[in-house]
Amino acid sequence: MLALTLRFLLLIGLVLSFTAGAVTLEDDSRAWLERHPEWRVGVVMGAPYAEYDQRQRRLSGFHVQLMEHLADDLGVRLQWRRFADEDALEKAAREGLIDVAPGLRQTPAGLRLWRYSDPFLRIPRLLVGDRGGPRAIDLEYLRPRELVAAVGPGPITEFLASNYPNITVLTATSQADALRQVLEAKASYAVIDEPVFGRLSQQVEYDSLAVVGDLGNPQLLRIASRRDSPELAAVLEAAIRQFPAREFSQLQEQWLKTRSIDLGREVSYWRSLSLLLGVLLLACLLMLAWQ
């Protein structure tokens, strides 16, 4: 009976150790966390980072699941606030309506409003063009008549203007709009985030487009927290550092892997070419053997 009781207590202790805070925190941070068990989280809507499922009436996406994992590890509750763009989110932050915002870029203006975590995600920016055109593009050698569509005005158009004065940039309202400008021959190329193109390229509408280069200016995404709460920033930083690598990889696999960025098509192409070469080689060997 005593042995059974000890085993039961040990099991309870193990369960509590996993449920009552999987993140190791300093005493001050743990005490602060116990006083702040609910966080208001602002998220900019847009696939694959944050989407609202009308059928299930819940949020999903990479940023959403990342924050839910962190909340489970820290033992806190989340109140979600949805925003159409970063301007609306920052306005709410200035009014004190949100505490945390995942997936933001660090900017000089943002540093006056937020405390940023270390980067947790690196998002390549791709150059996309017509599948029948050149397959490797160097931006330095583009001519002004070869227009490049990019979301702007903003960081991408500013980067292009300062680093590639030879390029003529067409501003787009969204990344899908930038791709449509290429489809309609208004632009030669479009600058697109890798995960976004990975999703859009699944659609037949974009089947004629392919990746032709990399902008060389990836997005570094961070979790932002309210400027007046250094304790919140410290707790978030500790939680991010201790986030299990396996679970993070699973989130990336689920939401950000660009399976369709020419991968399936290229594999099919090379498989067909290999089969053709194999058949030709076999035919040559048979002819040599016959002779």
C-alpha atoms as a PDB file:
ATOM      1  CA  MET A   1       0.000   0.000   0.000  1.00  0.00           C
ATOM      2  CA  LEU A   2       2.837   2.406   0.891  1.00  0.00           C
ATOM      3  CA  ALA A   3       4.637   1.642  -2.365  1.00  0.00           C
ATOM      4  CA  LEU A   4       1.439   2.300  -4.318  1.00  0.00           C
ATOM      5  CA  THR A   5       0.934   5.612  -2.521  1.00  0.00           C
ATOM      6  CA  LEU A   6       4.523   6.690  -3.260  1.00  0.00           C
ATOM      7  CA  ARG A   7       4.086   5.859  -6.923  1.00  0.00           C
ATOM      8  CA  PHE A   8       0.871   7.863  -7.031  1.00  0.00           C
ATOM      9  CA  LEU A   9       2.541  10.892  -5.438  1.00  0.00           C
ATOM     10  CA  LEU A  10       5.452  10.620  -7.842  1.00  0.00           C
ATOM     11  CA  LEU A  11       3.057  10.527 -10.791  1.00  0.00           C
ATOM     12  CA  ILE A  12       1.183  13.568  -9.488  1.00  0.00           C
ATOM     13  CA  GLY A  13       4.484  15.418  -9.088  1.00  0.00           C
ATOM     14  CA  LEU A  14       5.483  14.639 -12.653  1.00  0.00           C
ATOM     15  CA  VAL A  15       2.141  15.811 -14.004  1.00  0.00           C
ATOM     16  CA  LEU A  16       2.311  19.052 -12.044  1.00  0.00           C
ATOM     17  CA  SER A  17       5.859  19.706 -13.230  1.00  0.00           C
ATOM     18  CA  PHE A  18       4.643  19.607 -16.842  1.00  0.00           C
ATOM     19  CA  THR A  19       1.392  21.513 -16.393  1.00  0.00           C
ATOM     20  CA  ALA A  20       2.348  24.195 -13.888  1.00  0.00           C
ATOM     21  CA  GLY A  21       4.996  25.832 -16.054  1.00  0.00           C
ATOM     22  CA  ALA A  22       7.276  24.005 -18.424  1.00  0.00           C
ATOM     23  CA  VAL A  23       9.492  27.109 -18.639  1.00  0.00           C
ATOM     24  CA  THR A  24      12.213  27.632 -16.055  1.00  0.00           C
ATOM     25  CA  LEU A  25      12.007  31.194 -14.730  1.00  0.00           C
ATOM     26  CA  GLU A  26      13.756  33.226 -12.075  1.00  0.00           C
ATOM     27  CA  ASP A  27      11.791  33.786  -8.869  1.00  0.00           C
ATOM     28  CA  ASP A  28      10.993  37.418  -9.706  1.00  0.00           C
ATOM     29  CA  SER A  29       9.723  36.485 -13.171  1.00  0.00           C
ATOM     30  CA  ARG A  30       7.663  33.611 -11.781  1.00  0.00           C
ATOM     31  CA  ALA A  31       6.100  35.896  -9.178  1.00  0.00           C
ATOM     32  CA  TRP A  32       5.284  38.501 -11.850  1.00  0.00           C
ATOM     33  CA  LEU A  33       3.759  35.815 -14.058  1.00  0.00           C
ATOM     34  CA  GLU A  34       1.479  34.649 -11.254  1.00  0.00           C
ATOM     35  CA  ARG A  35       0.183  38.219 -10.917  1.00  0.00           C
ATOM     36  CA  HIS A  36      -0.439  38.488 -14.687  1.00  0.00           C
ATOM     37  CA  PRO A  37      -2.143  35.247 -15.782  1.00  0.00           C
ATOM     38  CA  GLU A  38      -3.916  36.814 -18.797  1.00  0.00           C
ATOM     39  CA  TRP A  39      -2.337  38.535 -21.815  1.00  0.00           C
ATOM     40  CA  ARG A  40      -3.972  40.544 -24.595  1.00  0.00           C
ATOM     41  CA  VAL A  41      -2.375  39.421 -27.857  1.00  0.00           C
ATOM     42  CA  GLY A  42      -2.624  41.495 -31.025  1.00  0.00           C
ATOM     43  CA  VAL A  43      -2.137  39.721 -34.343  1.00  0.00           C
ATOM     44  CA  VAL A  44      -2.091  41.016 -37.914  1.00  0.00           C
ATOM     45  CA  MET A  45      -4.324  38.812 -40.025  1.00  0.00           C
ATOM     46  CA  GLY A  46      -2.857  37.120 -43.072  1.00  0.00           C
ATOM     47  CA  ALA A  47      -2.059  33.560 -44.138  1.00  0.00           C
ATOM     48  CA  PRO A  48      -0.109  31.549 -43.174  1.00  0.00           C
ATOM     49  CA  TYR A  49       0.546  33.457 -39.945  1.00  0.00           C
ATOM     50  CA  ALA A  50      -2.958  34.209 -38.708  1.00  0.00           C
ATOM     51  CA  GLU A  51      -6.315  33.190 -40.183  1.00  0.00           C
ATOM     52  CA  TYR A  52      -9.831  33.051 -38.834  1.00  0.00           C
ATOM     53  CA  ASP A  53     -11.768  29.865 -39.502  1.00  0.00           C
ATOM     54  CA  GLN A  54     -15.414  30.899 -39.871  1.00  0.00           C
ATOM     55  CA  ARG A  55     -16.623  27.311 -39.589  1.00  0.00           C
ATOM     56  CA  GLN A  56     -14.812  26.536 -36.337  1.00  0.00           C
ATOM     57  CA  ARG A  57     -14.876  30.172 -35.166  1.00  0.00           C
ATOM     58  CA  ARG A  58     -11.273  30.164 -34.052  1.00  0.00           C
ATOM     59  CA  LEU A  59      -7.908  31.556 -35.058  1.00  0.00           C
ATOM     60  CA  SER A  60      -5.207  29.430 -36.606  1.00  0.00           C
ATOM     61  CA  GLY A  61      -1.826  29.979 -38.244  1.00  0.00           C
ATOM     62  CA  PHE A  62       1.852  29.914 -37.368  1.00  0.00           C
ATOM     63  CA  HIS A  63       1.863  32.942 -35.052  1.00  0.00           C
ATOM     64  CA  VAL A  64      -1.349  31.811 -33.372  1.00  0.00           C
ATOM     65  CA  GLN A  65      -0.106  28.316 -32.599  1.00  0.00           C
ATOM     66  CA  LEU A  66       3.292  29.629 -31.515  1.00  0.00           C
ATOM     67  CA  MET A  67       1.677  31.897 -28.933  1.00  0.00           C
ATOM     68  CA  GLU A  68      -0.682  29.129 -27.803  1.00  0.00           C
ATOM     69  CA  HIS A  69       2.307  26.840 -27.221  1.00  0.00           C
ATOM     70  CA  LEU A  70       4.067  29.556 -25.233  1.00  0.00           C
ATOM     71  CA  ALA A  71       0.900  30.245 -23.222  1.00  0.00           C
ATOM     72  CA  ASP A  72       0.549  26.553 -22.369  1.00  0.00           C
ATOM     73  CA  ASP A  73       4.195  26.390 -21.269  1.00  0.00           C
ATOM     74  CA  LEU A  74       3.829  29.510 -19.122  1.00  0.00           C
ATOM     75  CA  GLY A  75       0.364  28.717 -17.780  1.00  0.00           C
ATOM     76  CA  VAL A  76      -1.272  31.942 -18.987  1.00  0.00           C
ATOM     77  CA  ARG A  77      -4.530  32.712 -20.842  1.00  0.00           C
ATOM     78  CA  LEU A  78      -4.638  34.662 -24.099  1.00  0.00           C
ATOM     79  CA  GLN A  79      -7.166  37.246 -25.244  1.00  0.00           C
ATOM     80  CA  TRP A  80      -6.848  37.610 -29.017  1.00  0.00           C
ATOM     81  CA  ARG A  81      -7.248  40.953 -30.810  1.00  0.00           C
ATOM     82  CA  ARG A  82      -7.303  40.851 -34.625  1.00  0.00           C
ATOM     83  CA  PHE A  83      -6.000  43.670 -36.847  1.00  0.00           C
ATOM     84  CA  ALA A  84      -5.990  44.245 -40.589  1.00  0.00           C
ATOM     85  CA  ASP A  85      -2.466  45.695 -40.681  1.00  0.00           C
ATOM     86  CA  GLU A  86       0.448  46.786 -38.513  1.00  0.00           C
ATOM     87  CA  ASP A  87      -0.713  50.413 -38.422  1.00  0.00           C
ATOM     88  CA  ALA A  88      -3.971  49.396 -36.736  1.00  0.00           C
ATOM     89  CA  LEU A  89      -2.090  47.127 -34.338  1.00  0.00           C
ATOM     90  CA  GLU A  90       0.356  49.878 -33.355  1.00  0.00           C
ATOM     91  CA  LYS A  91      -2.527  52.309 -32.802  1.00  0.00           C
ATOM     92  CA  ALA A  92      -4.081  49.812 -30.364  1.00  0.00           C
ATOM     93  CA  ALA A  93      -0.705  49.384 -28.644  1.00  0.00           C
ATOM     94  CA  ARG A  94      -0.346  53.147 -28.163  1.00  0.00           C
ATOM     95  CA  GLU A  95      -3.814  53.160 -26.591  1.00  0.00           C
ATOM     96  CA  GLY A  96      -2.748  50.404 -24.177  1.00  0.00           C
ATOM     97  CA  LEU A  97      -5.135  47.800 -25.595  1.00  0.00           C
ATOM     98  CA  ILE A  98      -2.659  44.966 -26.200  1.00  0.00           C
ATOM     99  CA  ASP A  99       0.296  43.475 -24.342  1.00  0.00           C
ATOM    100  CA  VAL A 100       1.967  41.208 -26.906  1.00  0.00           C
ATOM    101  CA  ALA A 101       2.224  41.040 -30.691  1.00  0.00           C
ATOM    102  CA  PRO A 102       3.949  38.111 -32.444  1.00  0.00           C
ATOM    103  CA  GLY A 103       5.686  38.264 -35.805  1.00  0.00           C
ATOM    104  CA  LEU A 104       6.809  41.894 -35.985  1.00  0.00           C
ATOM    105  CA  ARG A 105       9.932  43.370 -37.573  1.00  0.00           C
ATOM    106  CA  GLN A 106      12.135  45.557 -35.380  1.00  0.00           C
ATOM    107  CA  THR A 107      12.148  49.163 -36.582  1.00  0.00           C
ATOM    108  CA  PRO A 108      13.541  52.410 -35.109  1.00  0.00           C
ATOM    109  CA  ALA A 109       9.999  53.741 -34.699  1.00  0.00           C
ATOM    110  CA  GLY A 110       8.845  50.475 -33.182  1.00  0.00           C
ATOM    111  CA  LEU A 111      11.551  50.605 -30.509  1.00  0.00           C
ATOM    112  CA  ARG A 112       9.751  53.603 -28.997  1.00  0.00           C
ATOM    113  CA  LEU A 113       6.610  51.504 -28.629  1.00  0.00           C
ATOM    114  CA  TRP A 114       7.765  47.898 -28.083  1.00  0.00           C
ATOM    115  CA  ARG A 115      10.342  45.703 -26.480  1.00  0.00           C
ATOM    116  CA  TYR A 116      11.413  43.128 -29.048  1.00  0.00           C
ATOM    117  CA  SER A 117      12.521  39.558 -28.458  1.00  0.00           C
ATOM    118  CA  ASP A 118      15.440  38.026 -30.311  1.00  0.00           C
ATOM    119  CA  PRO A 119      14.439  36.900 -33.835  1.00  0.00           C
ATOM    120  CA  PHE A 120      12.619  33.580 -33.774  1.00  0.00           C
ATOM    121  CA  LEU A 121      11.990  33.256 -37.524  1.00  0.00           C
ATOM    122  CA  ARG A 122      13.853  34.146 -40.723  1.00  0.00           C
ATOM    123  CA  ILE A 123      11.640  34.580 -43.788  1.00  0.00           C
ATOM    124  CA  PRO A 124      13.402  34.703 -47.196  1.00  0.00           C
ATOM    125  CA  ARG A 125      12.066  37.133 -49.779  1.00  0.00           C
ATOM    126  CA  LEU A 126      11.946  35.605 -53.221  1.00  0.00           C
ATOM    127  CA  LEU A 127      12.012  37.054 -56.715  1.00  0.00           C
ATOM    128  CA  VAL A 128       9.249  35.479 -58.814  1.00  0.00           C
ATOM    129  CA  GLY A 129       8.865  35.688 -62.594  1.00  0.00           C
ATOM    130  CA  ASP A 130       7.368  33.936 -65.575  1.00  0.00           C
ATOM    131  CA  ARG A 131       8.199  30.242 -65.778  1.00  0.00           C
ATOM    132  CA  GLY A 132       9.160  30.582 -69.435  1.00  0.00           C
ATOM    133  CA  GLY A 133      11.669  33.369 -68.786  1.00  0.00           C
ATOM    134  CA  PRO A 134      15.175  33.418 -67.265  1.00  0.00           C
ATOM    135  CA  ARG A 135      15.614  31.061 -64.306  1.00  0.00           C
ATOM    136  CA  ALA A 136      18.376  32.946 -62.431  1.00  0.00           C
ATOM    137  CA  ILE A 137      18.057  36.707 -62.046  1.00  0.00           C
ATOM    138  CA  ASP A 138      20.664  39.123 -60.691  1.00  0.00           C
ATOM    139  CA  LEU A 139      18.970  42.367 -59.682  1.00  0.00           C
ATOM    140  CA  GLU A 140      22.115  44.379 -60.387  1.00  0.00           C
ATOM    141  CA  TYR A 141      21.811  43.644 -64.097  1.00  0.00           C
ATOM    142  CA  LEU A 142      18.122  44.378 -64.540  1.00  0.00           C
ATOM    143  CA  ARG A 143      17.263  47.244 -66.867  1.00  0.00           C
ATOM    144  CA  PRO A 144      14.808  49.997 -65.860  1.00  0.00           C
ATOM    145  CA  ARG A 145      12.213  48.727 -68.347  1.00  0.00           C
ATOM    146  CA  GLU A 146      12.072  45.403 -66.435  1.00  0.00           C
ATOM    147  CA  LEU A 147       9.676  46.442 -63.693  1.00  0.00           C
ATOM    148  CA  VAL A 148       9.656  44.796 -60.250  1.00  0.00           C
ATOM    149  CA  ALA A 149       6.396  44.697 -58.268  1.00  0.00           C
ATOM    150  CA  ALA A 150       6.639  44.848 -54.468  1.00  0.00           C
ATOM    151  CA  VAL A 151       4.372  45.718 -51.553  1.00  0.00           C
ATOM    152  CA  GLY A 152       4.824  49.360 -50.732  1.00  0.00           C
ATOM    153  CA  PRO A 153       5.626  51.925 -49.848  1.00  0.00           C
ATOM    154  CA  GLY A 154       7.524  50.179 -47.108  1.00  0.00           C
ATOM    155  CA  PRO A 155      10.683  48.257 -46.185  1.00  0.00           C
ATOM    156  CA  ILE A 156      10.934  46.267 -49.445  1.00  0.00           C
ATOM    157  CA  THR A 157      10.533  49.224 -51.791  1.00  0.00           C
ATOM    158  CA  GLU A 158      12.969  51.242 -49.649  1.00  0.00           C
ATOM    159  CA  PHE A 159      15.519  48.411 -49.782  1.00  0.00           C
ATOM    160  CA  LEU A 160      15.196  48.143 -53.566  1.00  0.00           C
ATOM    161  CA  ALA A 161      15.479  51.903 -54.056  1.00  0.00           C
ATOM    162  CA  SER A 162      18.593  52.239 -51.885  1.00  0.00           C
ATOM    163  CA  ASN A 163      20.424  49.129 -53.119  1.00  0.00           C
ATOM    164  CA  TYR A 164      19.314  48.816 -56.752  1.00  0.00           C
ATOM    165  CA  PRO A 165      18.879  52.281 -58.304  1.00  0.00           C
ATOM    166  CA  ASN A 166      18.759  50.610 -61.734  1.00  0.00           C
ATOM    167  CA  ILE A 167      15.386  49.022 -60.887  1.00  0.00           C
ATOM    168  CA  THR A 168      11.991  50.545 -61.539  1.00  0.00           C
ATOM    169  CA  VAL A 169       9.619  49.473 -58.763  1.00  0.00           C
ATOM    170  CA  LEU A 170       5.859  49.144 -59.061  1.00  0.00           C
ATOM    171  CA  THR A 171       4.117  49.356 -55.703  1.00  0.00           C
ATOM    172  CA  ALA A 172       1.468  46.739 -54.916  1.00  0.00           C
ATOM    173  CA  THR A 173      -1.230  46.700 -52.258  1.00  0.00           C
ATOM    174  CA  SER A 174      -0.456  43.079 -51.306  1.00  0.00           C
ATOM    175  CA  GLN A 175       1.834  40.225 -52.259  1.00  0.00           C
ATOM    176  CA  ALA A 176      -0.957  38.590 -54.256  1.00  0.00           C
ATOM    177  CA  ASP A 177      -1.407  41.904 -56.080  1.00  0.00           C
ATOM    178  CA  ALA A 178       2.340  41.925 -56.887  1.00  0.00           C
ATOM    179  CA  LEU A 179       2.007  38.464 -58.439  1.00  0.00           C
ATOM    180  CA  ARG A 180      -1.039  39.549 -60.439  1.00  0.00           C
ATOM    181  CA  GLN A 181       0.987  42.398 -61.925  1.00  0.00           C
ATOM    182  CA  VAL A 182       3.431  39.801 -63.252  1.00  0.00           C
ATOM    183  CA  LEU A 183       0.581  37.644 -64.592  1.00  0.00           C
ATOM    184  CA  GLU A 184      -0.899  40.681 -66.358  1.00  0.00           C
ATOM    185  CA  ALA A 185       2.546  41.602 -67.792  1.00  0.00           C
ATOM    186  CA  LYS A 186       2.544  44.927 -65.942  1.00  0.00           C
ATOM    187  CA  ALA A 187       5.774  43.867 -64.188  1.00  0.00           C
ATOM    188  CA  SER A 188       8.545  41.439 -65.067  1.00  0.00           C
ATOM    189  CA  TYR A 189       9.110  40.198 -61.514  1.00  0.00           C
ATOM    190  CA  ALA A 190       7.543  40.324 -58.055  1.00  0.00           C
ATOM    191  CA  VAL A 191       9.070  40.212 -54.571  1.00  0.00           C
ATOM    192  CA  ILE A 192       7.214  37.654 -52.411  1.00  0.00           C
ATOM    193  CA  ASP A 193       7.756  36.118 -48.967  1.00  0.00           C
ATOM    194  CA  GLU A 194       8.648  32.444 -49.301  1.00  0.00           C
ATOM    195  CA  PRO A 195       5.733  31.032 -47.218  1.00  0.00           C
ATOM    196  CA  VAL A 196       3.225  33.260 -49.016  1.00  0.00           C
ATOM    197  CA  PHE A 197       4.367  32.117 -52.447  1.00  0.00           C
ATOM    198  CA  GLY A 198       4.413  28.545 -51.190  1.00  0.00           C
ATOM    199  CA  ARG A 199       0.686  28.834 -50.544  1.00  0.00           C
ATOM    200  CA  LEU A 200      -0.302  30.896 -53.564  1.00  0.00           C
ATOM    201  CA  SER A 201       1.644  28.693 -55.968  1.00  0.00           C
ATOM    202  CA  GLN A 202      -0.705  25.837 -55.037  1.00  0.00           C
ATOM    203  CA  GLN A 203      -3.420  27.645 -57.003  1.00  0.00           C
ATOM    204  CA  VAL A 204      -3.815  27.108 -60.744  1.00  0.00           C
ATOM    205  CA  GLU A 205      -3.902  30.872 -61.270  1.00  0.00           C
ATOM    206  CA  TYR A 206      -0.192  31.139 -60.391  1.00  0.00           C
ATOM    207  CA  ASP A 207       0.975  27.969 -62.130  1.00  0.00           C
ATOM    208  CA  SER A 208       2.866  29.936 -64.793  1.00  0.00           C
ATOM    209  CA  LEU A 209       5.124  31.605 -62.198  1.00  0.00           C
ATOM    210  CA  ALA A 210       8.410  30.344 -60.770  1.00  0.00           C
ATOM    211  CA  VAL A 211      11.127  31.447 -58.339  1.00  0.00           C
ATOM    212  CA  VAL A 212      13.986  33.115 -60.223  1.00  0.00           C
ATOM    213  CA  GLY A 213      16.040  34.575 -57.381  1.00  0.00           C
ATOM    214  CA  ASP A 214      16.358  35.691 -53.778  1.00  0.00           C
ATOM    215  CA  LEU A 215      16.192  39.315 -52.675  1.00  0.00           C
ATOM    216  CA  GLY A 216      18.956  38.759 -50.097  1.00  0.00           C
ATOM    217  CA  ASN A 217      17.022  40.751 -47.518  1.00  0.00           C
ATOM    218  CA  PRO A 218      15.109  38.277 -45.294  1.00  0.00           C
ATOM    219  CA  GLN A 219      12.552  39.298 -42.711  1.00  0.00           C
ATOM    220  CA  LEU A 220      13.587  38.679 -39.106  1.00  0.00           C
ATOM    221  CA  LEU A 221      10.421  38.208 -37.091  1.00  0.00           C
ATOM    222  CA  ARG A 222      10.218  38.821 -33.341  1.00  0.00           C
ATOM    223  CA  ILE A 223       7.655  38.890 -30.550  1.00  0.00           C
ATOM    224  CA  ALA A 224       6.947  42.430 -29.415  1.00  0.00           C
ATOM    225  CA  SER A 225       5.752  43.299 -25.909  1.00  0.00           C
ATOM    226  CA  ARG A 226       4.609  46.558 -24.359  1.00  0.00           C
ATOM    227  CA  ARG A 227       7.433  48.989 -23.656  1.00  0.00           C
ATOM    228  CA  ASP A 228       6.424  49.681 -20.050  1.00  0.00           C
ATOM    229  CA  SER A 229       6.694  46.008 -18.968  1.00  0.00           C
ATOM    230  CA  PRO A 230      10.276  44.708 -18.891  1.00  0.00           C
ATOM    231  CA  GLU A 231       9.067  41.742 -16.814  1.00  0.00           C
ATOM    232  CA  LEU A 232       6.825  40.610 -19.668  1.00  0.00           C
ATOM    233  CA  ALA A 233       9.720  40.864 -22.129  1.00  0.00           C
ATOM    234  CA  ALA A 234      11.949  38.802 -19.824  1.00  0.00           C
ATOM    235  CA  VAL A 235       9.329  36.063 -19.440  1.00  0.00           C
ATOM    236  CA  LEU A 236       8.765  35.919 -23.212  1.00  0.00           C
ATOM    237  CA  GLU A 237      12.502  35.767 -23.927  1.00  0.00           C
ATOM    238  CA  ALA A 238      12.930  32.865 -21.513  1.00  0.00           C
ATOM    239  CA  ALA A 239       9.957  31.027 -23.027  1.00  0.00           C
ATOM    240  CA  ILE A 240      11.244  31.465 -26.586  1.00  0.00           C
ATOM    241  CA  ARG A 241      14.742  30.262 -25.662  1.00  0.00           C
ATOM    242  CA  GLN A 242      13.283  27.136 -24.041  1.00  0.00           C
ATOM    243  CA  PHE A 243      10.767  26.393 -26.793  1.00  0.00           C
ATOM    244  CA  PRO A 244      11.344  22.745 -27.845  1.00  0.00           C
ATOM    245  CA  ALA A 245      13.148  22.627 -31.191  1.00  0.00           C
ATOM    246  CA  ARG A 246      11.092  19.631 -32.310  1.00  0.00           C
ATOM    247  CA  GLU A 247       7.775  21.409 -31.730  1.00  0.00           C
ATOM    248  CA  PHE A 248       9.054  24.524 -33.509  1.00  0.00           C
ATOM    249  CA  SER A 249      10.075  22.415 -36.517  1.00  0.00           C
ATOM    250  CA  GLN A 250       6.622  20.837 -36.551  1.00  0.00           C
ATOM    251  CA  LEU A 251       5.014  24.288 -36.636  1.00  0.00           C
ATOM    252  CA  GLN A 252       7.242  25.295 -39.541  1.00  0.00           C
ATOM    253  CA  GLU A 253       6.445  22.067 -41.361  1.00  0.00           C
ATOM    254  CA  GLN A 254       2.732  22.610 -40.879  1.00  0.00           C
ATOM    255  CA  TRP A 255       2.487  26.285 -41.821  1.00  0.00           C
ATOM    256  CA  LEU A 256       5.630  27.547 -43.552  1.00  0.00           C
ATOM    257  CA  LYS A 257       7.121  24.738 -45.629  1.00  0.00           C
ATOM    258  CA  THR A 258       7.017  25.749 -49.269  1.00  0.00           C
ATOM    259  CA  ARG A 259       6.409  22.325 -50.741  1.00  0.00           C
ATOM    260  CA  SER A 260       5.178  23.711 -54.025  1.00  0.00           C
ATOM    261  CA  ILE A 261       7.897  26.254 -54.814  1.00  0.00           C
ATOM    262  CA  ASP A 262       8.815  24.430 -57.987  1.00  0.00           C
ATOM    263  CA  LEU A 263       9.867  21.465 -55.868  1.00  0.00           C
ATOM    264  CA  GLY A 264       7.265  19.032 -57.089  1.00  0.00           C
ATOM    265  CA  ARG A 265       7.566  20.251 -60.657  1.00  0.00           C
ATOM    266  CA  GLU A 266      11.363  20.175 -60.632  1.00  0.00           C
ATOM    267  CA  VAL A 267      11.432  16.701 -59.090  1.00  0.00           C
ATOM    268  CA  SER A 268       8.975  15.500 -61.732  1.00  0.00           C
ATOM    269  CA  TYR A 269      11.050  17.097 -64.469  1.00  0.00           C
ATOM    270  CA  TRP A 270      14.324  15.558 -63.349  1.00  0.00           C
ATOM    271  CA  ARG A 271      12.676  12.197 -62.748  1.00  0.00           C
ATOM    272  CA  SER A 272      11.320  12.195 -66.291  1.00  0.00           C
ATOM    273  CA  LEU A 273      14.670  13.297 -67.695  1.00  0.00           C
ATOM    274  CA  SER A 274      16.483  10.588 -65.727  1.00  0.00           C
ATOM    275  CA  LEU A 275      14.091   7.934 -67.017  1.00  0.00           C
ATOM    276  CA  LEU A 276      14.602   9.147 -70.581  1.00  0.00           C
ATOM    277  CA  LEU A 277      18.394   9.088 -70.249  1.00  0.00           C
ATOM    278  CA  GLY A 278      18.185   5.659 -68.645  1.00  0.00           C
ATOM    279  CA  VAL A 279      16.151   4.309 -71.558  1.00  0.00           C
ATOM    280  CA  LEU A 280      18.583   5.822 -74.086  1.00  0.00           C
ATOM    281  CA  LEU A 281      21.572   4.377 -72.231  1.00  0.00           C
ATOM    282  CA  LEU A 282      19.928   0.963 -72.108  1.00  0.00           C
ATOM    283  CA  ALA A 283      19.188   1.150 -75.839  1.00  0.00           C
ATOM    284  CA  CYS A 284      22.827   2.035 -76.557  1.00  0.00           C
ATOM    285  CA  LEU A 285      24.073  -0.879 -74.452  1.00  0.00           C
ATOM    286  CA  LEU A 286      21.700  -3.270 -76.225  1.00  0.00           C
ATOM    287  CA  MET A 287      22.874  -2.024 -79.626  1.00  0.00           C
ATOM    288  CA  LEU A 288      26.532  -2.473 -78.607  1.00  0.00           C
ATOM    289  CA  ALA A 289      25.820  -5.965 -77.291  1.00  0.00           C
ATOM    290  CA  TRP A 290      23.941  -6.892 -80.505  1.00  0.00           C
ATOM    291  CA  GLN A 291      26.814  -5.680 -82.690  1.00  0.00           C
END
